[in-house]
Amino acid sequence: MSLPVVRPFRRDDRDQLTDLVNAHVAVVVPGLSVSVNTVLSHLERQPGEFITDPWVAERVTLVAERSHSVVAAAHLLRYRADAEVGEACRDSGEIDWFVCRPPASFWPDAEQAGDRPMAACLAQFARAEGLADVGNLHVEAAAHGQGLENRLLAEAADRLRPAGTDRLLAYEQADDTAAVDLLRAAGFRS
């Protein structure tokens, strides 16, 4: 089965994201579910959390999509770096929540499908001054060996350089040797 594509949440993902959240909620409290509005409101400011919520500088929700289905999602928080922020949270990030489609007989690789979005979460936190991450570099197998990967990476580097980016971060599943080899051939180190 193909690997999921990780991308930012879009409003039209709301129903599938809510179904995924409810699959996890029902395991903890059978019969309980949350509404689409509850899930969407959690993606925004949390005024009831009056201590740490004002410290949040950035909220990002990522979804992993496979065959037009949301199979995993994560909500990330990045805290400001100024003195108003508590020392334990200052200039840090957290995965507020992460959900992944549970294993099923019709989807035997469900657990592995969570690896890619988790790697994307970690890459979000790895961003620092001068560093950008390659979210999804994919070239069809029929086009391998034509140098497209290098041309795409060079174009990305040319567009990112004026913004101060001088390093790229890429991630693949460790057992996907073909993808890892392509990145190494393009100059990436592990």
Protein backbone atom coordinates (compact mmCIF):
# COMPACT_ATOMS: atom_id res chain seq x y z
CA MET A 1 0.00 0.00 0.00
CA SER A 2 1.25 3.52 -0.71
CA LEU A 3 2.63 5.72 2.05
CA PRO A 4 0.35 8.45 3.36
CA VAL A 5 0.95 12.04 2.28
CA VAL A 6 1.38 14.42 5.22
CA ARG A 7 -0.04 17.91 4.77
CA PRO A 8 -1.60 20.72 6.78
CA PHE A 9 -5.21 20.28 7.93
CA ARG A 10 -7.88 21.73 5.62
CA ARG A 11 -11.40 22.57 6.68
CA ASP A 12 -12.80 19.86 4.39
CA ASP A 13 -10.91 17.29 6.51
CA ARG A 14 -13.13 18.08 9.51
CA ASP A 15 -15.53 15.13 9.25
CA GLN A 16 -12.80 12.53 8.70
CA LEU A 17 -10.67 14.04 11.48
CA THR A 18 -13.63 13.92 13.86
CA ASP A 19 -14.30 10.27 12.95
CA LEU A 20 -10.65 9.45 13.67
CA VAL A 21 -10.73 11.28 17.03
CA ASN A 22 -13.99 9.53 17.94
CA ALA A 23 -12.49 6.12 17.16
CA HIS A 24 -9.94 6.84 19.90
CA VAL A 25 -12.43 8.42 22.30
CA ALA A 26 -14.72 5.37 22.05
CA VAL A 27 -11.89 3.08 23.15
CA VAL A 28 -11.47 5.06 26.37
CA VAL A 29 -15.17 5.78 27.04
CA PRO A 30 -17.42 3.45 25.02
CA GLY A 31 -20.43 5.25 23.56
CA LEU A 32 -18.91 8.72 23.94
CA SER A 33 -18.17 10.88 20.92
CA VAL A 34 -17.33 14.50 20.23
CA SER A 35 -18.82 16.81 17.62
CA VAL A 36 -17.09 18.32 14.63
CA ASN A 37 -17.38 21.73 16.35
CA THR A 38 -15.62 20.40 19.44
CA VAL A 39 -12.71 19.10 17.36
CA LEU A 40 -12.46 22.31 15.33
CA SER A 41 -12.56 24.52 18.42
CA HIS A 42 -9.68 22.53 19.91
CA LEU A 43 -7.53 23.53 16.94
CA GLU A 44 -7.82 27.19 17.96
CA ARG A 45 -7.01 29.18 21.11
CA GLN A 46 -8.04 27.59 24.41
CA PRO A 47 -9.19 30.53 26.58
CA GLY A 48 -9.97 28.16 29.47
CA GLU A 49 -6.28 27.27 29.61
CA PHE A 50 -5.31 30.69 30.91
CA ILE A 51 -1.72 29.86 31.94
CA THR A 52 -0.08 28.14 28.99
CA ASP A 53 -2.40 29.04 26.09
CA PRO A 54 -1.24 32.68 25.91
CA TRP A 55 2.32 31.38 25.52
CA VAL A 56 1.52 29.54 22.26
CA ALA A 57 3.05 31.25 19.24
CA GLU A 58 1.98 28.72 16.61
CA ARG A 59 -0.62 25.99 16.25
CA VAL A 60 -0.27 23.46 13.43
CA THR A 61 -2.52 20.53 12.64
CA LEU A 62 -1.14 17.94 10.26
CA VAL A 63 -3.08 15.14 8.61
CA ALA A 64 -1.81 12.05 6.83
CA GLU A 65 -3.92 11.15 3.83
CA ARG A 66 -3.94 7.89 1.93
CA SER A 67 -6.31 7.27 -0.97
CA HIS A 68 -8.37 10.36 -0.05
CA SER A 69 -8.80 9.15 3.54
CA VAL A 70 -7.36 10.81 6.63
CA VAL A 71 -5.47 7.99 8.36
CA ALA A 72 -3.60 9.97 11.02
CA ALA A 73 -3.51 13.48 12.46
CA ALA A 74 -1.54 15.51 14.96
CA HIS A 75 -1.96 18.89 16.61
CA LEU A 76 1.27 20.70 17.43
CA LEU A 77 1.94 23.70 19.64
CA ARG A 78 5.06 25.87 19.52
CA TYR A 79 5.70 28.17 22.48
CA ARG A 80 7.22 31.65 22.34
CA ALA A 81 10.81 32.22 23.45
CA ASP A 82 10.31 35.38 25.53
CA ALA A 83 10.60 35.82 29.30
CA GLU A 84 6.81 35.79 29.85
CA VAL A 85 6.74 32.09 28.94
CA GLY A 86 7.40 29.62 31.76
CA GLU A 87 10.91 28.21 31.65
CA ALA A 88 9.71 24.63 31.07
CA CYS A 89 7.82 25.66 27.90
CA ARG A 90 9.99 28.52 26.62
CA ASP A 91 11.05 28.10 23.00
CA SER A 92 9.76 24.53 22.84
CA GLY A 93 7.06 22.60 21.08
CA GLU A 94 4.72 19.80 21.94
CA ILE A 95 2.54 17.27 20.20
CA ASP A 96 -0.76 18.19 21.82
CA TRP A 97 -2.38 15.03 20.42
CA PHE A 98 -1.70 12.38 17.79
CA VAL A 99 -4.25 9.91 16.44
CA CYS A 100 -3.82 7.16 13.89
CA ARG A 101 -6.25 4.73 12.30
CA PRO A 102 -6.19 1.52 14.38
CA PRO A 103 -5.04 -1.75 12.79
CA ALA A 104 -7.72 -3.74 10.98
CA SER A 105 -7.77 -6.85 8.80
CA PHE A 106 -8.47 -4.73 5.71
CA TRP A 107 -5.57 -2.42 6.56
CA PRO A 108 -2.69 -4.53 7.91
CA ASP A 109 -0.05 -1.76 7.80
CA ALA A 110 -1.99 0.77 9.91
CA GLU A 111 0.69 0.94 12.58
CA GLN A 112 3.42 1.72 10.05
CA ALA A 113 1.21 4.43 8.50
CA GLY A 114 1.65 6.42 11.72
CA ASP A 115 5.44 6.58 11.25
CA ARG A 116 5.37 9.13 8.45
CA PRO A 117 3.14 11.69 10.20
CA MET A 118 5.15 11.29 13.40
CA ALA A 119 8.33 12.00 11.44
CA ALA A 120 6.62 15.11 10.02
CA CYS A 121 5.78 16.24 13.58
CA LEU A 122 9.39 15.86 14.64
CA ALA A 123 10.55 17.72 11.53
CA GLN A 124 8.22 20.62 12.42
CA PHE A 125 10.03 20.92 15.73
CA ALA A 126 13.45 20.53 14.15
CA ARG A 127 12.95 23.72 12.17
CA ALA A 128 15.35 26.36 13.32
CA GLU A 129 16.87 29.45 11.83
CA GLY A 130 18.35 28.53 8.47
CA LEU A 131 16.67 25.10 8.37
CA ALA A 132 13.70 23.94 6.29
CA ASP A 133 12.23 20.48 5.91
CA VAL A 134 11.35 18.58 2.76
CA GLY A 135 7.82 17.43 3.53
CA ASN A 136 7.02 15.05 0.70
CA LEU A 137 9.53 14.45 -2.07
CA HIS A 138 8.10 11.86 -4.41
CA VAL A 139 9.08 11.02 -7.96
CA GLU A 140 7.25 8.21 -9.74
CA ALA A 141 9.35 5.07 -10.13
CA ALA A 142 9.16 5.32 -13.93
CA ALA A 143 10.98 8.69 -13.74
CA HIS A 144 13.80 7.54 -11.43
CA GLY A 145 17.28 7.99 -12.80
CA GLN A 146 16.38 11.13 -14.77
CA GLY A 147 17.71 13.50 -12.10
CA LEU A 148 14.29 14.91 -11.21
CA GLU A 149 14.92 14.58 -7.46
CA ASN A 150 18.06 16.71 -7.69
CA ARG A 151 16.36 19.31 -9.91
CA LEU A 152 13.38 19.56 -7.52
CA LEU A 153 15.67 19.92 -4.49
CA ALA A 154 17.82 22.52 -6.28
CA GLU A 155 14.71 24.53 -7.20
CA ALA A 156 13.47 24.36 -3.60
CA ALA A 157 16.89 25.48 -2.33
CA ASP A 158 16.94 28.40 -4.80
CA ARG A 159 13.53 29.55 -3.58
CA LEU A 160 14.36 29.10 0.13
CA ARG A 161 17.82 30.70 0.08
CA PRO A 162 16.52 34.33 -0.08
CA ALA A 163 14.58 33.62 3.15
CA GLY A 164 17.81 32.64 4.93
CA THR A 165 17.54 28.87 4.60
CA ASP A 166 20.90 27.18 4.16
CA ARG A 167 20.05 23.59 5.21
CA LEU A 168 17.32 21.11 4.27
CA LEU A 169 15.97 18.32 6.46
CA ALA A 170 14.36 15.25 4.89
CA TYR A 171 12.89 12.14 6.45
CA GLU A 172 11.87 8.71 5.26
CA GLN A 173 11.03 5.43 6.95
CA ALA A 174 14.26 3.64 7.80
CA ASP A 175 13.17 0.47 6.02
CA ASP A 176 12.36 2.33 2.77
CA THR A 177 15.86 1.82 1.42
CA ALA A 178 15.01 3.10 -2.08
CA ALA A 179 13.80 6.45 -0.71
CA VAL A 180 16.73 6.71 1.70
CA ASP A 181 19.16 5.92 -1.13
CA LEU A 182 17.60 8.65 -3.30
CA LEU A 183 18.08 11.21 -0.51
CA ARG A 184 21.66 10.09 0.09
CA ALA A 185 22.38 10.36 -3.65
CA ALA A 186 21.08 13.95 -3.48
CA GLY A 187 23.58 14.75 -0.71
CA PHE A 188 21.58 14.11 2.47
CA ARG A 189 23.31 12.46 5.44
CA SER A 190 21.70 10.29 8.10
